[in-house]
Amino acid sequence: MIHAIHPEALAELDEASTWYEREEPGLGVALVLDYRERLTFALNAPSAGALAGKTRDGGEIRRYRLQQFRRYAILLASIRGVPTVLAFEHSSRRPGYWHDRLG
């Protein structure tokens, strides 16, 4: 399914998977696979995630927690009609740090 990922969200995913891979070989790959599975779910069930906020034009921003790596979540919104990953959020980060990504 067509979607976009904010460059900073991609960097967050890359940073997390690199860290996990250094900690235990194969764990970074497992994180990416969990991300992909959850993103597929989110794209197919856009209203299933928890409401995390609104875009500037009133669209919903939804949070989808990963299955295996529960401290991580995908924040997804429709930006100009395209489902867009705004953040790959870790639960210990400051809330709403990604709001400036709304444009």
Foldseek 3Di string as FASTA:
>chain_A
DFAAEDPQQVVVLVVVLVVLCVVPNPRSVVSVVLVVVQVVVCVVPVVPFDFQDAAPVGWTWGWTAGDPQRQWIFTWTQQPNHIYGQHGDGNVDDPPPSNVSSD
